[in-house]
Protein backbone atom coordinates (compact mmCIF):
# COMPACT_ATOMS: atom_id res chain seq x y z
CA MET A 1 22.54 5.11 -5.45
CA PRO A 2 25.32 4.56 -2.85
CA ALA A 3 25.03 1.73 -0.42
CA ILE A 4 23.40 2.38 2.93
CA GLY A 5 25.66 1.99 5.92
CA THR A 6 23.15 -0.02 7.89
CA THR A 7 22.08 -2.25 4.97
CA ARG A 8 22.92 -5.91 5.59
CA LYS A 9 25.89 -7.11 3.55
CA THR A 10 24.96 -10.75 3.34
CA LEU A 11 21.93 -10.61 1.05
CA HIS A 12 21.39 -13.91 -0.69
CA ARG A 13 23.36 -13.89 -3.95
CA GLY A 14 20.63 -15.77 -5.74
CA ILE A 15 17.89 -13.13 -5.57
CA VAL A 16 16.36 -12.85 -9.01
CA ALA A 17 15.44 -9.41 -10.24
CA ALA A 18 11.90 -9.98 -11.45
CA ALA A 19 11.18 -7.95 -14.55
CA LEU A 20 8.10 -6.32 -13.16
CA PRO A 21 6.69 -3.04 -14.39
CA LEU A 22 6.88 -0.55 -11.61
CA LEU A 23 3.27 -0.06 -10.67
CA ILE A 24 2.74 2.55 -8.13
CA GLY A 25 0.11 4.27 -6.21
CA ALA A 26 -3.27 2.74 -6.34
CA LEU A 27 -2.07 -0.47 -7.76
CA ALA A 28 0.21 -0.37 -4.82
CA SER A 29 -2.58 0.16 -2.45
CA CYS A 30 -5.75 -1.10 -4.04
CA GLY A 31 -5.49 -1.97 -7.70
CA TYR A 32 -8.07 -4.17 -9.33
CA GLY A 33 -6.19 -6.06 -12.03
CA SER A 34 -5.44 -9.76 -12.29
CA ASP A 35 -1.67 -9.86 -12.73
CA ALA A 36 0.01 -12.99 -11.40
CA ALA A 37 2.28 -12.88 -8.40
CA LYS A 38 6.03 -13.32 -8.60
CA ASP A 39 7.88 -15.37 -6.00
CA GLU A 40 11.04 -13.81 -4.64
CA PRO A 41 13.50 -16.07 -2.81
CA ALA A 42 14.00 -15.00 0.76
CA ALA A 43 17.30 -13.38 1.63
CA ASP A 44 19.65 -14.86 4.20
CA LYS A 45 20.32 -11.97 6.54
CA ALA A 46 23.25 -11.39 8.83
CA SER A 47 20.69 -10.11 11.32
CA ALA A 48 18.94 -13.47 11.70
CA ALA A 49 17.75 -14.40 15.17
CA PRO A 50 20.26 -16.05 17.53
CA ALA A 51 20.64 -19.80 17.17
CA ASP A 52 19.23 -20.37 20.66
CA ALA A 53 16.05 -18.38 19.93
CA LYS A 54 12.83 -20.29 20.39
CA LYS A 55 11.66 -21.71 17.09
CA LEU A 56 8.27 -20.64 15.85
CA SER A 57 5.42 -22.86 14.67
CA ALA A 58 6.02 -22.44 10.92
CA SER A 59 9.21 -23.03 8.95
CA GLU A 60 8.33 -20.24 6.51
CA VAL A 61 5.93 -17.33 6.10
CA ARG A 62 4.77 -16.18 2.68
CA ILE A 63 4.54 -12.38 2.58
CA GLY A 64 3.01 -10.49 -0.33
CA TYR A 65 3.57 -6.85 -1.25
CA PHE A 66 3.89 -4.52 -4.22
CA PRO A 67 7.11 -3.01 -5.61
CA ASN A 68 5.85 0.46 -4.72
CA LEU A 69 6.74 3.22 -2.28
CA THR A 70 3.40 2.92 -0.48
CA HIS A 71 4.60 -0.54 0.58
CA ALA A 72 7.76 0.91 2.12
CA THR A 73 7.39 -1.13 5.31
CA ALA A 74 7.72 -4.35 3.33
CA LEU A 75 10.40 -3.03 0.98
CA VAL A 76 12.63 -1.74 3.75
CA GLY A 77 11.77 -4.39 6.35
CA ILE A 78 12.83 -7.19 4.02
CA GLN A 79 15.74 -5.30 2.45
CA GLU A 80 17.23 -4.48 5.86
CA GLY A 81 16.44 -7.84 7.49
CA LEU A 82 14.37 -6.14 10.19
CA ILE A 83 11.40 -8.47 9.80
CA GLU A 84 13.36 -11.69 9.39
CA LYS A 85 15.39 -10.86 12.50
CA GLU A 86 12.25 -11.37 14.60
CA LEU A 87 11.36 -14.72 13.06
CA ALA A 88 13.78 -16.98 14.98
CA GLY A 89 14.76 -18.99 11.92
CA THR A 90 11.38 -18.96 10.17
CA LYS A 91 12.15 -17.98 6.59
CA ILE A 92 10.38 -15.25 4.67
CA LYS A 93 9.14 -16.25 1.24
CA PRO A 94 8.36 -12.91 -0.42
CA GLN A 95 5.88 -12.65 -3.27
CA THR A 96 5.36 -9.47 -5.27
CA PHE A 97 2.07 -8.50 -6.88
CA ASN A 98 0.89 -5.91 -9.36
CA ALA A 99 -2.75 -5.70 -8.29
CA GLY A 100 -4.94 -6.11 -5.22
CA PRO A 101 -7.26 -8.84 -6.53
CA SER A 102 -4.40 -11.19 -7.39
CA GLU A 103 -3.02 -10.80 -3.87
CA ILE A 104 -6.44 -11.45 -2.35
CA GLU A 105 -6.80 -14.49 -4.61
CA ALA A 106 -3.45 -15.81 -3.39
CA LEU A 107 -4.45 -15.27 0.23
CA ASN A 108 -7.82 -16.93 -0.25
CA GLY A 109 -6.27 -19.77 -2.26
CA GLY A 110 -3.77 -20.63 0.45
CA SER A 111 -0.60 -19.60 -1.40
CA LEU A 112 -0.05 -16.45 0.70
CA ASP A 113 -0.07 -15.96 4.47
CA ILE A 114 0.38 -12.23 5.06
CA GLY A 115 0.01 -9.32 2.67
CA PHE A 116 0.45 -5.57 2.36
CA ILE A 117 -2.54 -4.18 0.49
CA GLY A 118 -4.87 -1.20 0.16
CA PRO A 119 -8.22 -0.62 1.84
CA SER A 120 -10.51 -1.26 -1.14
CA PRO A 121 -9.30 -4.81 -1.90
CA SER A 122 -9.23 -5.49 1.84
CA ILE A 123 -12.90 -4.54 2.07
CA ASN A 124 -13.87 -6.44 -1.08
CA GLY A 125 -11.94 -9.54 -0.09
CA TYR A 126 -13.50 -9.57 3.36
CA VAL A 127 -17.05 -8.97 2.16
CA LYS A 128 -16.93 -11.46 -0.73
CA SER A 129 -15.78 -14.20 1.64
CA LYS A 130 -18.50 -13.19 4.11
CA GLY A 131 -15.85 -12.40 6.68
CA SER A 132 -14.16 -15.78 6.57
CA ASN A 133 -10.83 -15.33 4.80
CA LEU A 134 -8.82 -12.36 6.05
CA ARG A 135 -8.22 -9.96 8.89
CA ILE A 136 -6.53 -6.57 8.91
CA ILE A 137 -3.86 -6.84 11.59
CA SER A 138 -1.96 -3.56 11.25
CA GLY A 139 -1.56 -0.36 9.38
CA SER A 140 1.42 0.33 7.17
CA ALA A 141 1.12 3.64 5.32
CA SER A 142 -0.92 6.83 5.09
CA GLY A 143 -1.16 9.58 2.51
CA GLY A 144 0.83 10.01 -0.67
CA VAL A 145 -2.11 10.79 -2.99
CA LYS A 146 -2.26 13.97 -5.09
CA LEU A 147 -4.22 15.63 -7.85
CA VAL A 148 -1.70 16.62 -10.52
CA VAL A 149 -2.84 18.65 -13.54
CA ASN A 150 -1.62 20.25 -16.74
CA PRO A 151 -1.16 23.89 -15.60
CA ASP A 152 -1.79 25.17 -19.13
CA LYS A 153 -5.33 23.73 -19.05
CA ILE A 154 -6.21 23.77 -15.35
CA LYS A 155 -5.31 26.57 -12.96
CA THR A 156 -7.94 26.19 -10.22
CA LEU A 157 -10.02 23.33 -8.83
CA ASP A 158 -13.10 24.75 -10.55
CA ASP A 159 -11.32 24.34 -13.88
CA LEU A 160 -11.61 20.54 -13.55
CA LYS A 161 -15.17 20.71 -14.85
CA GLY A 162 -15.22 19.44 -18.42
CA LYS A 163 -11.69 18.02 -18.19
CA LYS A 164 -10.33 14.46 -18.40
CA ILE A 165 -8.85 13.29 -15.10
CA ALA A 166 -7.32 9.85 -14.62
CA THR A 167 -7.70 7.51 -11.66
CA PRO A 168 -6.00 4.12 -11.46
CA GLN A 169 -9.07 1.90 -11.74
CA LYS A 170 -12.83 1.92 -11.30
CA GLY A 171 -13.71 1.47 -7.65
CA ASN A 172 -10.15 1.63 -6.35
CA THR A 173 -9.37 3.84 -3.38
CA GLN A 174 -8.28 6.87 -5.40
CA ASP A 175 -11.22 6.51 -7.80
CA VAL A 176 -13.67 6.45 -4.89
CA ALA A 177 -12.02 9.45 -3.24
CA PHE A 178 -12.14 11.47 -6.46
CA LEU A 179 -15.78 10.58 -7.13
CA ASN A 180 -16.63 11.69 -3.60
CA TRP A 181 -14.75 14.98 -4.08
CA ILE A 182 -16.64 15.57 -7.34
CA SER A 183 -19.94 14.89 -5.60
CA GLU A 184 -19.13 17.35 -2.85
CA LYS A 185 -18.46 19.98 -5.53
CA GLY A 186 -22.04 19.45 -6.69
CA TRP A 187 -20.98 17.95 -10.01
CA LYS A 188 -22.43 14.77 -11.50
CA VAL A 189 -20.48 11.78 -12.83
CA ASP A 190 -21.77 8.31 -13.67
CA PRO A 191 -19.59 6.04 -11.49
CA GLU A 192 -19.75 3.14 -13.96
CA SER A 193 -18.79 4.95 -17.16
CA GLY A 194 -16.91 7.86 -15.59
CA LYS A 195 -18.81 10.27 -17.85
CA GLY A 196 -20.27 13.52 -16.57
CA ASP A 197 -19.27 17.02 -15.53
CA VAL A 198 -15.74 15.64 -15.21
CA SER A 199 -14.55 12.76 -17.38
CA VAL A 200 -13.04 10.21 -15.00
CA VAL A 201 -10.64 8.14 -17.11
CA ARG A 202 -9.61 4.86 -15.48
CA THR A 203 -5.97 4.44 -16.49
CA ASP A 204 -3.36 1.99 -15.23
CA ASN A 205 -0.65 3.87 -13.34
CA LYS A 206 2.07 2.40 -15.52
CA VAL A 207 0.66 4.22 -18.59
CA THR A 208 -0.68 7.36 -16.89
CA PRO A 209 2.56 9.36 -17.38
CA ASP A 210 2.55 8.65 -21.14
CA ALA A 211 -1.14 9.54 -21.38
CA PHE A 212 -0.40 12.80 -19.57
CA LYS A 213 2.54 13.67 -21.85
CA GLN A 214 0.46 12.89 -24.94
CA GLY A 215 -2.38 15.11 -23.74
CA SER A 216 -5.04 12.39 -23.68
CA ILE A 217 -5.69 13.25 -20.03
CA ASP A 218 -5.58 16.67 -18.38
CA GLY A 219 -4.55 15.45 -14.95
CA ALA A 220 -4.72 12.54 -12.52
CA TRP A 221 -5.75 11.75 -8.94
CA VAL A 222 -2.99 9.26 -8.13
CA PRO A 223 -0.67 8.03 -5.40
CA GLU A 224 3.06 8.52 -5.24
CA PRO A 225 5.38 8.19 -6.97
CA THR A 226 3.10 8.43 -10.02
CA ALA A 227 2.16 11.95 -8.91
CA SER A 228 5.80 13.03 -8.80
CA LYS A 229 6.42 11.42 -12.18
CA LEU A 230 3.68 13.63 -13.61
CA VAL A 231 5.20 16.69 -11.92
CA SER A 232 8.58 15.84 -13.47
CA ASP A 233 6.80 15.83 -16.84
CA GLY A 234 5.48 19.36 -16.34
CA GLY A 235 2.45 18.75 -14.15
CA GLN A 236 1.47 20.79 -11.11
CA VAL A 237 0.07 19.54 -7.79
CA LEU A 238 -3.32 21.19 -7.39
CA LEU A 239 -4.48 19.24 -4.33
CA ASP A 240 -2.94 16.87 -1.80
CA GLU A 241 -5.64 14.47 -0.58
CA THR A 242 -4.07 14.56 2.88
CA SER A 243 -5.49 18.07 3.30
CA LEU A 244 -9.04 16.71 3.03
CA TRP A 245 -8.77 14.33 6.00
CA PRO A 246 -9.06 14.95 9.75
CA ASP A 247 -5.59 14.90 11.31
CA LYS A 248 -4.26 14.78 7.73
CA LYS A 249 -4.09 10.98 7.82
CA PHE A 250 -5.87 8.25 5.88
CA VAL A 251 -5.06 4.62 5.21
CA ILE A 252 -3.34 3.78 1.94
CA THR A 253 -1.80 0.40 2.90
CA ASN A 254 -2.88 -2.24 5.45
CA ILE A 255 -1.32 -5.50 6.58
CA ILE A 256 -3.71 -8.44 6.23
CA VAL A 257 -3.45 -12.11 7.19
CA SER A 258 -5.18 -15.33 6.29
CA GLN A 259 -7.52 -16.23 9.13
CA LYS A 260 -6.34 -19.84 8.87
CA PHE A 261 -2.68 -18.82 9.20
CA LEU A 262 -3.52 -16.49 12.07
CA LYS A 263 -5.29 -19.27 13.93
CA GLU A 264 -2.57 -21.87 13.35
CA HIS A 265 0.55 -19.64 13.59
CA ALA A 266 -0.23 -16.67 15.80
CA ASP A 267 3.37 -16.70 17.06
CA VAL A 268 4.67 -16.17 13.52
CA VAL A 269 2.17 -13.36 12.88
CA GLU A 270 3.24 -11.69 16.12
CA ALA A 271 6.89 -11.96 15.12
CA VAL A 272 6.19 -10.39 11.73
CA LEU A 273 4.39 -7.53 13.48
CA ARG A 274 7.35 -7.02 15.79
CA GLY A 275 9.41 -6.70 12.63
CA THR A 276 7.05 -4.23 10.94
CA VAL A 277 6.80 -2.08 14.06
CA LYS A 278 10.60 -1.96 14.31
CA THR A 279 10.84 -1.28 10.57
CA ASN A 280 8.45 1.67 10.78
CA GLU A 281 10.37 3.02 13.74
CA TRP A 282 13.64 2.71 11.81
CA ILE A 283 12.17 4.35 8.70
CA ASN A 284 10.84 7.32 10.68
CA ALA A 285 14.18 7.76 12.46
CA ASN A 286 16.33 7.33 9.33
CA GLN A 287 14.43 8.92 6.47
CA ASP A 288 17.30 9.29 4.01
CA LYS A 289 18.67 5.81 4.60
CA ALA A 290 15.17 4.35 4.43
CA LYS A 291 14.48 6.13 1.14
CA ALA A 292 17.70 4.74 -0.30
CA SER A 293 16.88 1.27 1.02
CA ALA A 294 13.41 1.34 -0.55
CA ASN A 295 14.89 2.46 -3.86
CA ALA A 296 17.48 -0.32 -3.72
CA ALA A 297 14.68 -2.83 -3.16
CA LEU A 298 12.74 -1.39 -6.11
CA LYS A 299 15.81 -1.76 -8.31
CA THR A 300 16.14 -5.41 -7.30
CA LEU A 301 12.48 -6.08 -8.03
CA SER A 302 12.01 -4.03 -11.20
CA GLY A 303 15.50 -3.62 -12.55
CA LYS A 304 15.34 0.14 -12.22
CA GLU A 305 15.43 2.58 -9.35
CA LEU A 306 13.42 5.80 -9.20
CA GLU A 307 15.15 8.99 -10.29
CA ALA A 308 15.94 11.54 -7.59
CA LYS A 309 13.53 14.04 -9.16
CA VAL A 310 10.73 11.51 -8.56
CA ILE A 311 11.59 9.79 -5.27
CA ASP A 312 12.78 12.92 -3.45
CA PRO A 313 9.39 14.70 -3.52
CA ALA A 314 7.39 11.47 -3.33
CA TRP A 315 9.00 9.95 -0.25
CA PRO A 316 8.12 12.60 2.38
CA SER A 317 4.43 12.58 1.39
CA ILE A 318 4.04 8.97 2.56
CA LEU A 319 3.80 8.31 6.29
CA VAL A 320 4.58 4.82 7.52
CA THR A 321 2.45 3.98 10.54
CA ASP A 322 1.43 1.02 12.67
CA ASP A 323 -2.01 2.55 13.13
CA PRO A 324 -4.47 1.12 10.57
CA LEU A 325 -6.49 4.34 10.79
CA ALA A 326 -9.60 2.19 10.92
CA SER A 327 -12.08 5.06 10.95
CA THR A 328 -10.77 6.24 7.57
CA LEU A 329 -11.30 2.78 6.07
CA LYS A 330 -14.93 2.99 7.20
CA THR A 331 -15.20 6.44 5.59
CA GLU A 332 -13.76 5.15 2.32
CA SER A 333 -16.27 2.30 2.41
CA ASP A 334 -19.11 4.78 2.95
CA TRP A 335 -17.92 6.81 -0.05
CA ALA A 336 -17.99 3.71 -2.26
CA VAL A 337 -21.55 2.99 -1.11
CA LYS A 338 -22.53 6.61 -1.77
CA ALA A 339 -21.12 6.34 -5.30
CA LYS A 340 -23.14 3.13 -5.77
CA LEU A 341 -19.98 1.16 -6.53
CA ILE A 342 -20.67 -1.33 -3.73
CA GLU A 343 -23.60 -2.26 -1.51
CA GLN A 344 -23.42 -1.43 2.17
CA PRO A 345 -20.83 -3.90 3.52
CA ASP A 346 -20.79 -5.55 6.94
CA LEU A 347 -17.28 -4.79 8.16
CA ALA A 348 -17.73 -6.13 11.68
CA GLY A 349 -14.71 -8.25 12.52
CA ILE A 350 -12.50 -7.08 9.66
CA TYR A 351 -9.84 -6.04 12.19
CA ASP A 352 -7.93 -8.10 14.71
CA LEU A 353 -5.42 -5.77 16.32
CA SER A 354 -4.80 -7.86 19.43
CA LEU A 355 -1.32 -9.01 18.42
CA LEU A 356 -0.33 -5.56 17.16
CA ASN A 357 -1.44 -3.94 20.40
CA LYS A 358 0.45 -6.60 22.35
CA VAL A 359 3.60 -5.71 20.42
CA LEU A 360 3.02 -1.98 20.80
CA LYS A 361 2.44 -2.29 24.53
CA ALA A 362 5.63 -4.33 24.94
CA THR A 363 7.62 -1.56 23.26
CA GLY A 364 5.99 1.22 25.26
CA LYS A 365 3.92 2.54 22.36
CA PRO A 366 0.23 3.45 22.63
CA GLU A 367 -2.35 0.93 21.46
CA VAL A 368 -4.36 1.65 18.30
CA SER A 369 -8.11 1.49 17.65
CA ASP A 370 -10.19 -0.74 15.38
CA ALA A 371 -12.99 1.89 15.32
CA GLY A 372 -15.47 -0.69 16.56
CA LEU A 373 -14.80 -3.02 13.63
CA GLY A 374 -12.71 -5.57 15.50
CA VAL A 375 -13.25 -9.22 16.32
CA LYS A 376 -15.62 -9.60 19.24
């Protein structure tokens, strides 16, 4: 893909292209595997803060994210130097992950400071630590989840009964959403085994396209760009999950922080949020350049960029946003409880949006809500 005019030309020549499988979608947002993280050396950007800028309280900040389109804020913000520019000399130490639990483990273990992650692992990580280890400090992305089916076997939504439909993992965000949709249809499925009126087949996104081509599944409820990969293999989009939500928005990626790091380095956290807000603004104003930038970052991380037939339809279905869409996280939590996948969690205090709202106010943008789940 041709270079982007606004891409910084002084990227560190020593960046190592980690040979990661390109996991997308739910693993991007809320996977439940245990893959180890990969450290990525920070890039030296031409856009670094001026030498006379006030130094921040930490020499580096360790930021975790997934090599997936639903983490576009991180991909583009680091690729373009938009986050590092706000850090006044504090270096970014990026770490890439393949699954939510490993990122939560890194955060809880003290080897990660800030992470981009989906709602389900955010909830699980917060509840398991009894509210002591993380806070959600911003939104990052909404949408980008679709039901794609084999059109020879499934022509209407009612045709899903008796079919095999993949989700990324038991209890992940897409799995919970699909189980809730099934329930609202009046169909029965055992949430543990996935057996019932519809066979819910928990399948890692990296193998879902092969399973679809081989006919071992009849469709999949998955995030982008897995959905567009299935379409490129002959699938048809039967439902966009966005259509099921009020205002057509729902959280797919949050930004979380270690409570310890937040307490000790609030200035660094605020600077990162200035960078993510500016990144989202740049993405929304420069869609084509941002798409190319994200693809260039994916190529660096995985060794391979997404084909145009995949990224072109996938990209516009994902909305980058500063708003964490907190009420939708609560809804997703309620669905998981309804499906008996989790017990009723106490989410009070899971959000701390004070620094984000400070940044938004300073840039003339409206403040966002924590839906009553913020720090008191």
